[in-house]
Every structure is written in structure tokens, then in C-alpha cells.
Amino acid sequence: MNPSIESLRNKKQDQKLEEFLSSRILTENGCLISPKQRIYYRKKVWFLPHLLYSLEHGEIPRYTRLIHSCKNPLCSALEHLYLGTKKGESELEKAEKELSKFYKSL
């Protein structure tokens, strides 16, 4: 494929991504929610939080999950996203529940 055509296509996709990012809505708990969650970017359909995390931190390794600390799967705020495993996520939730019980008992 002609390199100039490819660069034009990438530029158009970058503009589309900017449109997605500008349409996000800030919620009271700091989540950024986009009306549309899927975007075609660089020959692949992405779920918006996964794309933003990958652009910021690099490719998401296989067998890892993108976990939302805010528990909102539609959130695309980078400070709410981190990598983990299903097992690690459940262990974190278990620890949070135990900590919550401890503080309520005080």
C-alpha cells in the first residue's frame, strides 16, 4: 500500500479518536464515560479503555485483564485503570471487603 495513503488513513483514525475523547462525560466520582465504547483504530476494533491504556502504557499482555478501580467497566479515565488477573482481582475484592468490615467494627 502507498505510504502516503496509509499515513492519511492513520491521521483520519487519530482524528476519530480525538472526537471520541472530546465526547467523554466526567461523572461525580471522576470516571470518564464515552457515549460510544468501541472504536476502529489502526486496523482493529478496540474497546475504548483498552485502546487508551495501550496507547499510554504499551500492549496489554496476554492473559491479563484491564481492571477498573472504580468498578465501572465503561470508564476510560487512565488513573482508574490497571492490569491484573481474574484471580488477583477477586483477591483484591476480598481484601477490600475484609478491610471494610474491620473499619465498620471500630
PDB file of N, CA and C in Angstrom:
ATOM      1  N   MET A   1       0.839  -1.172   0.000  1.00  0.00           N
ATOM      2  CA  MET A   1       0.000   0.000   0.000  1.00  0.00           C
ATOM      3  C   MET A   1       0.892   1.246   0.000  1.00  0.00           C
ATOM      4  N   ASN A   2       0.469   2.259  -0.672  1.00  0.00           N
ATOM      5  CA  ASN A   2       1.188   3.511  -0.754  1.00  0.00           C
ATOM      6  C   ASN A   2       1.334   4.123   0.645  1.00  0.00           C
ATOM      7  N   PRO A   3       2.589   4.482   1.049  1.00  0.00           N
ATOM      8  CA  PRO A   3       2.790   5.026   2.398  1.00  0.00           C
ATOM      9  C   PRO A   3       1.974   6.294   2.673  1.00  0.00           C
ATOM     10  N   SER A   4       1.781   7.126   1.653  1.00  0.00           N
ATOM     11  CA  SER A   4       1.025   8.354   1.888  1.00  0.00           C
ATOM     12  C   SER A   4      -0.449   8.050   2.163  1.00  0.00           C
ATOM     13  N   ILE A   5      -1.002   7.023   1.512  1.00  0.00           N
ATOM     14  CA  ILE A   5      -2.387   6.625   1.764  1.00  0.00           C
ATOM     15  C   ILE A   5      -2.511   6.090   3.190  1.00  0.00           C
ATOM     16  N   GLU A   6      -1.533   5.295   3.613  1.00  0.00           N
ATOM     17  CA  GLU A   6      -1.536   4.749   4.967  1.00  0.00           C
ATOM     18  C   GLU A   6      -1.446   5.868   6.012  1.00  0.00           C
ATOM     19  N   SER A   7      -0.593   6.865   5.761  1.00  0.00           N
ATOM     20  CA  SER A   7      -0.473   7.959   6.732  1.00  0.00           C
ATOM     21  C   SER A   7      -1.747   8.793   6.786  1.00  0.00           C
ATOM     22  N   LEU A   8      -2.434   8.962   5.651  1.00  0.00           N
ATOM     23  CA  LEU A   8      -3.713   9.674   5.641  1.00  0.00           C
ATOM     24  C   LEU A   8      -4.765   8.900   6.425  1.00  0.00           C
ATOM     25  N   ARG A   9      -4.778   7.586   6.238  1.00  0.00           N
ATOM     26  CA  ARG A   9      -5.721   6.739   6.962  1.00  0.00           C
ATOM     27  C   ARG A   9      -5.461   6.832   8.470  1.00  0.00           C
ATOM     28  N   ASN A  10      -4.183   6.788   8.866  1.00  0.00           N
ATOM     29  CA  ASN A  10      -3.843   6.893  10.284  1.00  0.00           C
ATOM     30  C   ASN A  10      -4.238   8.257  10.842  1.00  0.00           C
ATOM     31  N   LYS A  11      -4.031   9.310  10.050  1.00  0.00           N
ATOM     32  CA  LYS A  11      -4.386  10.647  10.501  1.00  0.00           C
ATOM     33  C   LYS A  11      -5.893  10.758  10.712  1.00  0.00           C
ATOM     34  N   LYS A  12      -6.668  10.161   9.809  1.00  0.00           N
ATOM     35  CA  LYS A  12      -8.122  10.184   9.928  1.00  0.00           C
ATOM     36  C   LYS A  12      -8.555   9.417  11.174  1.00  0.00           C
ATOM     37  N   GLN A  13      -7.923   8.276  11.447  1.00  0.00           N
ATOM     38  CA  GLN A  13      -8.257   7.486  12.626  1.00  0.00           C
ATOM     39  C   GLN A  13      -7.865   8.227  13.908  1.00  0.00           C
ATOM     40  N   ASP A  14      -6.737   8.968  13.869  1.00  0.00           N
ATOM     41  CA  ASP A  14      -6.335   9.766  15.025  1.00  0.00           C
ATOM     42  C   ASP A  14      -7.356  10.864  15.300  1.00  0.00           C
ATOM     43  N   GLN A  15      -7.894  11.471  14.240  1.00  0.00           N
ATOM     44  CA  GLN A  15      -8.926  12.498  14.399  1.00  0.00           C
ATOM     45  C   GLN A  15     -10.196  11.889  15.002  1.00  0.00           C
ATOM     46  N   LYS A  16     -10.543  10.692  14.570  1.00  0.00           N
ATOM     47  CA  LYS A  16     -11.721   9.997  15.103  1.00  0.00           C
ATOM     48  C   LYS A  16     -11.527   9.716  16.594  1.00  0.00           C
ATOM     49  N   LEU A  17     -10.326   9.305  16.965  1.00  0.00           N
ATOM     50  CA  LEU A  17     -10.027   9.056  18.370  1.00  0.00           C
ATOM     51  C   LEU A  17     -10.177  10.349  19.176  1.00  0.00           C
ATOM     52  N   GLU A  18      -9.694  11.453  18.643  1.00  0.00           N
ATOM     53  CA  GLU A  18      -9.827  12.745  19.324  1.00  0.00           C
ATOM     54  C   GLU A  18     -11.300  13.110  19.522  1.00  0.00           C
ATOM     55  N   GLU A  19     -12.137  12.807  18.530  1.00  0.00           N
ATOM     56  CA  GLU A  19     -13.575  13.048  18.655  1.00  0.00           C
ATOM     57  C   GLU A  19     -14.156  12.210  19.803  1.00  0.00           C
ATOM     58  N   PHE A  20     -13.737  10.951  19.873  1.00  0.00           N
ATOM     59  CA  PHE A  20     -14.205  10.070  20.954  1.00  0.00           C
ATOM     60  C   PHE A  20     -13.811  10.659  22.303  1.00  0.00           C
ATOM     61  N   LEU A  21     -12.560  11.094  22.412  1.00  0.00           N
ATOM     62  CA  LEU A  21     -12.063  11.598  23.684  1.00  0.00           C
ATOM     63  C   LEU A  21     -12.758  12.892  24.096  1.00  0.00           C
ATOM     64  N   SER A  22     -13.065  13.738  23.133  1.00  0.00           N
ATOM     65  CA  SER A  22     -13.726  15.006  23.456  1.00  0.00           C
ATOM     66  C   SER A  22     -15.195  14.809  23.826  1.00  0.00           C
ATOM     67  N   SER A  23     -15.773  13.664  23.472  1.00  0.00           N
ATOM     68  CA  SER A  23     -17.186  13.414  23.782  1.00  0.00           C
ATOM     69  C   SER A  23     -17.386  12.744  25.144  1.00  0.00           C
ATOM     70  N   ARG A  24     -16.302  12.439  25.836  1.00  0.00           N
ATOM     71  CA  ARG A  24     -16.430  11.775  27.137  1.00  0.00           C
ATOM     72  C   ARG A  24     -17.056  12.702  28.172  1.00  0.00           C
ATOM     73  N   ILE A  25     -17.807  12.104  29.079  1.00  0.00           N
ATOM     74  CA  ILE A  25     -18.503  12.844  30.121  1.00  0.00           C
ATOM     75  C   ILE A  25     -17.858  12.511  31.464  1.00  0.00           C
ATOM     76  N   LEU A  26     -17.573  13.543  32.263  1.00  0.00           N
ATOM     77  CA  LEU A  26     -16.987  13.354  33.591  1.00  0.00           C
ATOM     78  C   LEU A  26     -18.096  13.155  34.613  1.00  0.00           C
ATOM     79  N   THR A  27     -18.023  12.040  35.356  1.00  0.00           N
ATOM     80  CA  THR A  27     -19.027  11.771  36.391  1.00  0.00           C
ATOM     81  C   THR A  27     -18.533  12.308  37.739  1.00  0.00           C
ATOM     82  N   GLU A  28     -19.394  12.279  38.747  1.00  0.00           N
ATOM     83  CA  GLU A  28     -19.038  12.834  40.055  1.00  0.00           C
ATOM     84  C   GLU A  28     -17.914  12.072  40.750  1.00  0.00           C
ATOM     85  N   ASN A  29     -17.703  10.808  40.396  1.00  0.00           N
ATOM     86  CA  ASN A  29     -16.610  10.041  41.019  1.00  0.00           C
ATOM     87  C   ASN A  29     -15.340  10.024  40.168  1.00  0.00           C
ATOM     88  N   GLY A  30     -15.270  10.884  39.161  1.00  0.00           N
ATOM     89  CA  GLY A  30     -14.053  11.017  38.371  1.00  0.00           C
ATOM     90  C   GLY A  30     -13.957  10.106  37.164  1.00  0.00           C
ATOM     91  N   CYS A  31     -14.994   9.323  36.889  1.00  0.00           N
ATOM     92  CA  CYS A  31     -14.990   8.454  35.710  1.00  0.00           C
ATOM     93  C   CYS A  31     -15.205   9.289  34.448  1.00  0.00           C
ATOM     94  N   LEU A  32     -14.566   8.882  33.384  1.00  0.00           N
ATOM     95  CA  LEU A  32     -14.789   9.488  32.073  1.00  0.00           C
ATOM     96  C   LEU A  32     -15.514   8.464  31.216  1.00  0.00           C
ATOM     97  N   ILE A  33     -16.749   8.767  30.862  1.00  0.00           N
ATOM     98  CA  ILE A  33     -17.602   7.840  30.118  1.00  0.00           C
ATOM     99  C   ILE A  33     -17.846   8.395  28.723  1.00  0.00           C
ATOM    100  N   SER A  34     -17.654   7.548  27.722  1.00  0.00           N
ATOM    101  CA  SER A  34     -17.909   7.938  26.342  1.00  0.00           C
ATOM    102  C   SER A  34     -19.236   7.345  25.890  1.00  0.00           C
ATOM    103  N   PRO A  35     -20.030   8.123  25.117  1.00  0.00           N
ATOM    104  CA  PRO A  35     -21.290   7.573  24.601  1.00  0.00           C
ATOM    105  C   PRO A  35     -21.084   6.321  23.748  1.00  0.00           C
ATOM    106  N   LYS A  36     -19.963   6.264  23.045  1.00  0.00           N
ATOM    107  CA  LYS A  36     -19.630   5.085  22.252  1.00  0.00           C
ATOM    108  C   LYS A  36     -18.409   4.434  22.883  1.00  0.00           C
ATOM    109  N   GLN A  37     -18.422   3.116  22.962  1.00  0.00           N
ATOM    110  CA  GLN A  37     -17.338   2.400  23.634  1.00  0.00           C
ATOM    111  C   GLN A  37     -16.401   1.669  22.679  1.00  0.00           C
ATOM    112  N   ARG A  38     -16.822   1.462  21.462  1.00  0.00           N
ATOM    113  CA  ARG A  38     -15.977   0.741  20.500  1.00  0.00           C
ATOM    114  C   ARG A  38     -15.503   1.699  19.416  1.00  0.00           C
ATOM    115  N   ILE A  39     -14.230   1.540  19.045  1.00  0.00           N
ATOM    116  CA  ILE A  39     -13.637   2.400  18.024  1.00  0.00           C
ATOM    117  C   ILE A  39     -12.744   1.554  17.119  1.00  0.00           C
ATOM    118  N   TYR A  40     -12.800   1.843  15.831  1.00  0.00           N
ATOM    119  CA  TYR A  40     -11.904   1.195  14.876  1.00  0.00           C
ATOM    120  C   TYR A  40     -10.649   2.049  14.804  1.00  0.00           C
ATOM    121  N   TYR A  41      -9.504   1.463  15.168  1.00  0.00           N
ATOM    122  CA  TYR A  41      -8.262   2.222  15.213  1.00  0.00           C
ATOM    123  C   TYR A  41      -7.109   1.337  14.780  1.00  0.00           C
ATOM    124  N   ARG A  42      -6.398   1.777  13.752  1.00  0.00           N
ATOM    125  CA  ARG A  42      -5.238   1.049  13.227  1.00  0.00           C
ATOM    126  C   ARG A  42      -5.540  -0.418  12.939  1.00  0.00           C
ATOM    127  N   LYS A  43      -6.570  -0.635  12.123  1.00  0.00           N
ATOM    128  CA  LYS A  43      -6.950  -1.954  11.607  1.00  0.00           C
ATOM    129  C   LYS A  43      -7.473  -2.913  12.669  1.00  0.00           C
ATOM    130  N   LYS A  44      -8.025  -2.374  13.751  1.00  0.00           N
ATOM    131  CA  LYS A  44      -8.529  -3.227  14.815  1.00  0.00           C
ATOM    132  C   LYS A  44      -9.688  -2.521  15.510  1.00  0.00           C
ATOM    133  N   VAL A  45     -10.689  -3.286  15.920  1.00  0.00           N
ATOM    134  CA  VAL A  45     -11.780  -2.722  16.710  1.00  0.00           C
ATOM    135  C   VAL A  45     -11.375  -2.813  18.176  1.00  0.00           C
ATOM    136  N   TRP A  46     -11.415  -1.670  18.856  1.00  0.00           N
ATOM    137  CA  TRP A  46     -10.977  -1.581  20.242  1.00  0.00           C
ATOM    138  C   TRP A  46     -12.141  -1.203  21.149  1.00  0.00           C
ATOM    139  N   PHE A  47     -12.088  -1.677  22.367  1.00  0.00           N
ATOM    140  CA  PHE A  47     -12.918  -1.171  23.446  1.00  0.00           C
ATOM    141  C   PHE A  47     -12.140   0.035  23.986  1.00  0.00           C
ATOM    142  N   LEU A  48     -12.775   1.193  24.098  1.00  0.00           N
ATOM    143  CA  LEU A  48     -12.078   2.450  24.360  1.00  0.00           C
ATOM    144  C   LEU A  48     -11.103   2.399  25.542  1.00  0.00           C
ATOM    145  N   PRO A  49     -11.468   1.892  26.720  1.00  0.00           N
ATOM    146  CA  PRO A  49     -10.486   1.859  27.808  1.00  0.00           C
ATOM    147  C   PRO A  49      -9.228   1.056  27.463  1.00  0.00           C
ATOM    148  N   HIS A  50      -9.388  -0.050  26.726  1.00  0.00           N
ATOM    149  CA  HIS A  50      -8.230  -0.861  26.334  1.00  0.00           C
ATOM    150  C   HIS A  50      -7.319  -0.098  25.379  1.00  0.00           C
ATOM    151  N   LEU A  51      -7.909   0.622  24.445  1.00  0.00           N
ATOM    152  CA  LEU A  51      -7.114   1.403  23.497  1.00  0.00           C
ATOM    153  C   LEU A  51      -6.325   2.481  24.227  1.00  0.00           C
ATOM    154  N   LEU A  52      -6.983   3.231  25.089  1.00  0.00           N
ATOM    155  CA  LEU A  52      -6.304   4.314  25.795  1.00  0.00           C
ATOM    156  C   LEU A  52      -5.188   3.787  26.694  1.00  0.00           C
ATOM    157  N   TYR A  53      -5.451   2.676  27.384  1.00  0.00           N
ATOM    158  CA  TYR A  53      -4.413   2.088  28.228  1.00  0.00           C
ATOM    159  C   TYR A  53      -3.222   1.640  27.374  1.00  0.00           C
ATOM    160  N   SER A  54      -3.499   1.010  26.245  1.00  0.00           N
ATOM    161  CA  SER A  54      -2.432   0.524  25.354  1.00  0.00           C
ATOM    162  C   SER A  54      -1.618   1.665  24.771  1.00  0.00           C
ATOM    163  N   LEU A  55      -2.264   2.740  24.407  1.00  0.00           N
ATOM    164  CA  LEU A  55      -1.547   3.892  23.855  1.00  0.00           C
ATOM    165  C   LEU A  55      -0.649   4.533  24.917  1.00  0.00           C
ATOM    166  N   GLU A  56      -1.103   4.533  26.148  1.00  0.00           N
ATOM    167  CA  GLU A  56      -0.353   5.167  27.233  1.00  0.00           C
ATOM    168  C   GLU A  56       0.756   4.271  27.784  1.00  0.00           C
ATOM    169  N   HIS A  57       0.484   2.969  27.940  1.00  0.00           N
ATOM    170  CA  HIS A  57       1.412   2.070  28.634  1.00  0.00           C
ATOM    171  C   HIS A  57       1.981   0.949  27.780  1.00  0.00           C
ATOM    172  N   GLY A  58       1.548   0.812  26.547  1.00  0.00           N
ATOM    173  CA  GLY A  58       2.010  -0.278  25.701  1.00  0.00           C
ATOM    174  C   GLY A  58       0.999  -1.411  25.670  1.00  0.00           C
ATOM    175  N   GLU A  59       1.311  -2.421  24.906  1.00  0.00           N
ATOM    176  CA  GLU A  59       0.396  -3.546  24.691  1.00  0.00           C
ATOM    177  C   GLU A  59       0.042  -4.252  25.994  1.00  0.00           C
ATOM    178  N   ILE A  60      -1.212  -4.645  26.104  1.00  0.00           N
ATOM    179  CA  ILE A  60      -1.673  -5.392  27.272  1.00  0.00           C
ATOM    180  C   ILE A  60      -1.264  -6.850  27.088  1.00  0.00           C
ATOM    181  N   PRO A  61      -0.489  -7.399  28.030  1.00  0.00           N
ATOM    182  CA  PRO A  61      -0.021  -8.779  27.875  1.00  0.00           C
ATOM    183  C   PRO A  61      -1.177  -9.780  27.835  1.00  0.00           C
ATOM    184  N   ARG A  62      -0.926 -10.873  27.168  1.00  0.00           N
ATOM    185  CA  ARG A  62      -1.920 -11.942  27.076  1.00  0.00           C
ATOM    186  C   ARG A  62      -2.215 -12.494  28.473  1.00  0.00           C
ATOM    187  N   TYR A  63      -3.443 -12.893  28.688  1.00  0.00           N
ATOM    188  CA  TYR A  63      -3.911 -13.465  29.948  1.00  0.00           C
ATOM    189  C   TYR A  63      -3.953 -12.451  31.097  1.00  0.00           C
ATOM    190  N   THR A  64      -3.888 -11.178  30.767  1.00  0.00           N
ATOM    191  CA  THR A  64      -4.093 -10.158  31.789  1.00  0.00           C
ATOM    192  C   THR A  64      -5.360  -9.401  31.460  1.00  0.00           C
ATOM    193  N   ARG A  65      -5.936  -8.818  32.478  1.00  0.00           N
ATOM    194  CA  ARG A  65      -7.177  -8.078  32.305  1.00  0.00           C
ATOM    195  C   ARG A  65      -6.943  -6.620  32.642  1.00  0.00           C
ATOM    196  N   LEU A  66      -7.736  -5.780  32.025  1.00  0.00           N
ATOM    197  CA  LEU A  66      -7.738  -4.375  32.379  1.00  0.00           C
ATOM    198  C   LEU A  66      -8.792  -4.215  33.466  1.00  0.00           C
ATOM    199  N   ILE A  67      -8.362  -3.819  34.638  1.00  0.00           N
ATOM    200  CA  ILE A  67      -9.247  -3.730  35.788  1.00  0.00           C
ATOM    201  C   ILE A  67      -9.526  -2.255  36.089  1.00  0.00           C
ATOM    202  N   HIS A  68     -10.775  -1.962  36.412  1.00  0.00           N
ATOM    203  CA  HIS A  68     -11.206  -0.607  36.721  1.00  0.00           C
ATOM    204  C   HIS A  68     -11.295  -0.469  38.238  1.00  0.00           C
ATOM    205  N   SER A  69     -10.466   0.378  38.827  1.00  0.00           N
ATOM    206  CA  SER A  69     -10.507   0.559  40.283  1.00  0.00           C
ATOM    207  C   SER A  69     -11.836   1.173  40.716  1.00  0.00           C
ATOM    208  N   CYS A  70     -12.521   1.857  39.815  1.00  0.00           N
ATOM    209  CA  CYS A  70     -13.812   2.484  40.112  1.00  0.00           C
ATOM    210  C   CYS A  70     -14.968   1.505  39.959  1.00  0.00           C
ATOM    211  N   LYS A  71     -14.684   0.298  39.473  1.00  0.00           N
ATOM    212  CA  LYS A  71     -15.695  -0.751  39.245  1.00  0.00           C
ATOM    213  C   LYS A  71     -16.705  -0.382  38.159  1.00  0.00           C
ATOM    214  N   ASN A  72     -16.360   0.575  37.299  1.00  0.00           N
ATOM    215  CA  ASN A  72     -17.239   0.973  36.196  1.00  0.00           C
ATOM    216  C   ASN A  72     -16.585   0.543  34.882  1.00  0.00           C
ATOM    217  N   PRO A  73     -17.076  -0.509  34.234  1.00  0.00           N
ATOM    218  CA  PRO A  73     -16.421  -1.018  33.021  1.00  0.00           C
ATOM    219  C   PRO A  73     -16.473  -0.053  31.832  1.00  0.00           C
ATOM    220  N   LEU A  74     -17.295   0.966  31.896  1.00  0.00           N
ATOM    221  CA  LEU A  74     -17.368   1.950  30.813  1.00  0.00           C
ATOM    222  C   LEU A  74     -16.378   3.097  31.001  1.00  0.00           C
ATOM    223  N   CYS A  75     -15.744   3.177  32.160  1.00  0.00           N
ATOM    224  CA  CYS A  75     -14.832   4.275  32.471  1.00  0.00           C
ATOM    225  C   CYS A  75     -13.557   4.170  31.634  1.00  0.00           C
ATOM    226  N   SER A  76     -13.113   5.316  31.110  1.00  0.00           N
ATOM    227  CA  SER A  76     -11.863   5.335  30.344  1.00  0.00           C
ATOM    228  C   SER A  76     -10.861   6.318  30.944  1.00  0.00           C
ATOM    229  N   ALA A  77     -11.008   6.656  32.229  1.00  0.00           N
ATOM    230  CA  ALA A  77     -10.038   7.504  32.921  1.00  0.00           C
ATOM    231  C   ALA A  77      -8.799   6.660  33.225  1.00  0.00           C
ATOM    232  N   LEU A  78      -7.654   7.071  32.720  1.00  0.00           N
ATOM    233  CA  LEU A  78      -6.436   6.268  32.869  1.00  0.00           C
ATOM    234  C   LEU A  78      -6.065   6.025  34.328  1.00  0.00           C
ATOM    235  N   GLU A  79      -6.349   6.983  35.206  1.00  0.00           N
ATOM    236  CA  GLU A  79      -5.995   6.794  36.610  1.00  0.00           C
ATOM    237  C   GLU A  79      -6.875   5.748  37.295  1.00  0.00           C
ATOM    238  N   HIS A  80      -7.944   5.307  36.650  1.00  0.00           N
ATOM    239  CA  HIS A  80      -8.815   4.257  37.194  1.00  0.00           C
ATOM    240  C   HIS A  80      -8.490   2.875  36.630  1.00  0.00           C
ATOM    241  N   LEU A  81      -7.518   2.778  35.722  1.00  0.00           N
ATOM    242  CA  LEU A  81      -7.230   1.528  35.024  1.00  0.00           C
ATOM    243  C   LEU A  81      -5.886   0.941  35.465  1.00  0.00           C
ATOM    244  N   TYR A  82      -5.874  -0.361  35.681  1.00  0.00           N
ATOM    245  CA  TYR A  82      -4.617  -1.056  35.951  1.00  0.00           C
ATOM    246  C   TYR A  82      -4.739  -2.497  35.464  1.00  0.00           C
ATOM    247  N   LEU A  83      -3.604  -3.154  35.320  1.00  0.00           N
ATOM    248  CA  LEU A  83      -3.585  -4.533  34.832  1.00  0.00           C
ATOM    249  C   LEU A  83      -3.628  -5.514  35.990  1.00  0.00           C
ATOM    250  N   GLY A  84      -4.271  -6.623  35.763  1.00  0.00           N
ATOM    251  CA  GLY A  84      -4.327  -7.670  36.769  1.00  0.00           C
ATOM    252  C   GLY A  84      -4.841  -8.948  36.152  1.00  0.00           C
ATOM    253  N   THR A  85      -5.097  -9.918  37.000  1.00  0.00           N
ATOM    254  CA  THR A  85      -5.665 -11.187  36.554  1.00  0.00           C
ATOM    255  C   THR A  85      -7.006 -11.373  37.245  1.00  0.00           C
ATOM    256  N   LYS A  86      -7.805 -12.267  36.744  1.00  0.00           N
ATOM    257  CA  LYS A  86      -9.104 -12.523  37.377  1.00  0.00           C
ATOM    258  C   LYS A  86      -8.900 -12.964  38.824  1.00  0.00           C
ATOM    259  N   LYS A  87      -7.926 -13.823  39.050  1.00  0.00           N
ATOM    260  CA  LYS A  87      -7.654 -14.295  40.405  1.00  0.00           C
ATOM    261  C   LYS A  87      -7.203 -13.130  41.287  1.00  0.00           C
ATOM    262  N   GLY A  88      -6.311 -12.307  40.771  1.00  0.00           N
ATOM    263  CA  GLY A  88      -5.824 -11.153  41.531  1.00  0.00           C
ATOM    264  C   GLY A  88      -6.934 -10.168  41.834  1.00  0.00           C
ATOM    265  N   GLU A  89      -7.852  -9.998  40.880  1.00  0.00           N
ATOM    266  CA  GLU A  89      -8.965  -9.081  41.083  1.00  0.00           C
ATOM    267  C   GLU A  89      -9.866  -9.583  42.211  1.00  0.00           C
ATOM    268  N   SER A  90     -10.142 -10.876  42.212  1.00  0.00           N
ATOM    269  CA  SER A  90     -11.011 -11.411  43.259  1.00  0.00           C
ATOM    270  C   SER A  90     -10.323 -11.343  44.620  1.00  0.00           C
ATOM    271  N   GLU A  91      -9.008 -11.529  44.660  1.00  0.00           N
ATOM    272  CA  GLU A  91      -8.271 -11.418  45.916  1.00  0.00           C
ATOM    273  C   GLU A  91      -8.295  -9.983  46.429  1.00  0.00           C
ATOM    274  N   LEU A  92      -8.181  -9.020  45.528  1.00  0.00           N
ATOM    275  CA  LEU A  92      -8.240  -7.613  45.906  1.00  0.00           C
ATOM    276  C   LEU A  92      -9.614  -7.273  46.471  1.00  0.00           C
ATOM    277  N   GLU A  93     -10.672  -7.751  45.802  1.00  0.00           N
ATOM    278  CA  GLU A  93     -12.024  -7.503  46.290  1.00  0.00           C
ATOM    279  C   GLU A  93     -12.229  -8.132  47.665  1.00  0.00           C
ATOM    280  N   LYS A  94     -11.697  -9.325  47.871  1.00  0.00           N
ATOM    281  CA  LYS A  94     -11.818 -10.000  49.162  1.00  0.00           C
ATOM    282  C   LYS A  94     -11.109  -9.187  50.253  1.00  0.00           C
ATOM    283  N   ALA A  95      -9.920  -8.682  49.943  1.00  0.00           N
ATOM    284  CA  ALA A  95      -9.172  -7.874  50.911  1.00  0.00           C
ATOM    285  C   ALA A  95      -9.908  -6.565  51.209  1.00  0.00           C
ATOM    286  N   GLU A  96     -10.506  -5.958  50.194  1.00  0.00           N
ATOM    287  CA  GLU A  96     -11.261  -4.717  50.400  1.00  0.00           C
ATOM    288  C   GLU A  96     -12.458  -4.963  51.313  1.00  0.00           C
ATOM    289  N   LYS A  97     -13.156  -6.085  51.130  1.00  0.00           N
ATOM    290  CA  LYS A  97     -14.302  -6.417  51.978  1.00  0.00           C
ATOM    291  C   LYS A  97     -13.862  -6.626  53.426  1.00  0.00           C
ATOM    292  N   GLU A  98     -12.748  -7.330  53.621  1.00  0.00           N
ATOM    293  CA  GLU A  98     -12.244  -7.575  54.973  1.00  0.00           C
ATOM    294  C   GLU A  98     -11.852  -6.263  55.641  1.00  0.00           C
ATOM    295  N   LEU A  99     -11.208  -5.387  54.895  1.00  0.00           N
ATOM    296  CA  LEU A  99     -10.807  -4.089  55.426  1.00  0.00           C
ATOM    297  C   LEU A  99     -12.027  -3.246  55.778  1.00  0.00           C
ATOM    298  N   SER A 100     -13.041  -3.304  54.932  1.00  0.00           N
ATOM    299  CA  SER A 100     -14.283  -2.578  55.175  1.00  0.00           C
ATOM    300  C   SER A 100     -14.950  -3.076  56.456  1.00  0.00           C
ATOM    301  N   LYS A 101     -14.992  -4.401  56.644  1.00  0.00           N
ATOM    302  CA  LYS A 101     -15.575  -4.983  57.857  1.00  0.00           C
ATOM    303  C   LYS A 101     -14.804  -4.516  59.096  1.00  0.00           C
ATOM    304  N   PHE A 102     -13.487  -4.468  58.977  1.00  0.00           N
ATOM    305  CA  PHE A 102     -12.642  -4.045  60.095  1.00  0.00           C
ATOM    306  C   PHE A 102     -12.971  -2.611  60.493  1.00  0.00           C
ATOM    307  N   TYR A 103     -13.027  -1.704  59.519  1.00  0.00           N
ATOM    308  CA  TYR A 103     -13.295  -0.306  59.826  1.00  0.00           C
ATOM    309  C   TYR A 103     -14.704  -0.091  60.361  1.00  0.00           C
ATOM    310  N   LYS A 104     -15.656  -0.874  59.906  1.00  0.00           N
ATOM    311  CA  LYS A 104     -17.028  -0.748  60.412  1.00  0.00           C
ATOM    312  C   LYS A 104     -17.121  -1.223  61.863  1.00  0.00           C
ATOM    313  N   SER A 105     -16.260  -2.145  62.250  1.00  0.00           N
ATOM    314  CA  SER A 105     -16.294  -2.670  63.616  1.00  0.00           C
ATOM    315  C   SER A 105     -15.680  -1.697  64.624  1.00  0.00           C
ATOM    316  N   LEU A 106     -14.968  -0.696  64.156  1.00  0.00           N
ATOM    317  CA  LEU A 106     -14.321   0.271  65.085  1.00  0.00           C
ATOM    318  C   LEU A 106     -15.306   1.227  65.688  1.00  0.00           C
TER     319      LEU A 106
END
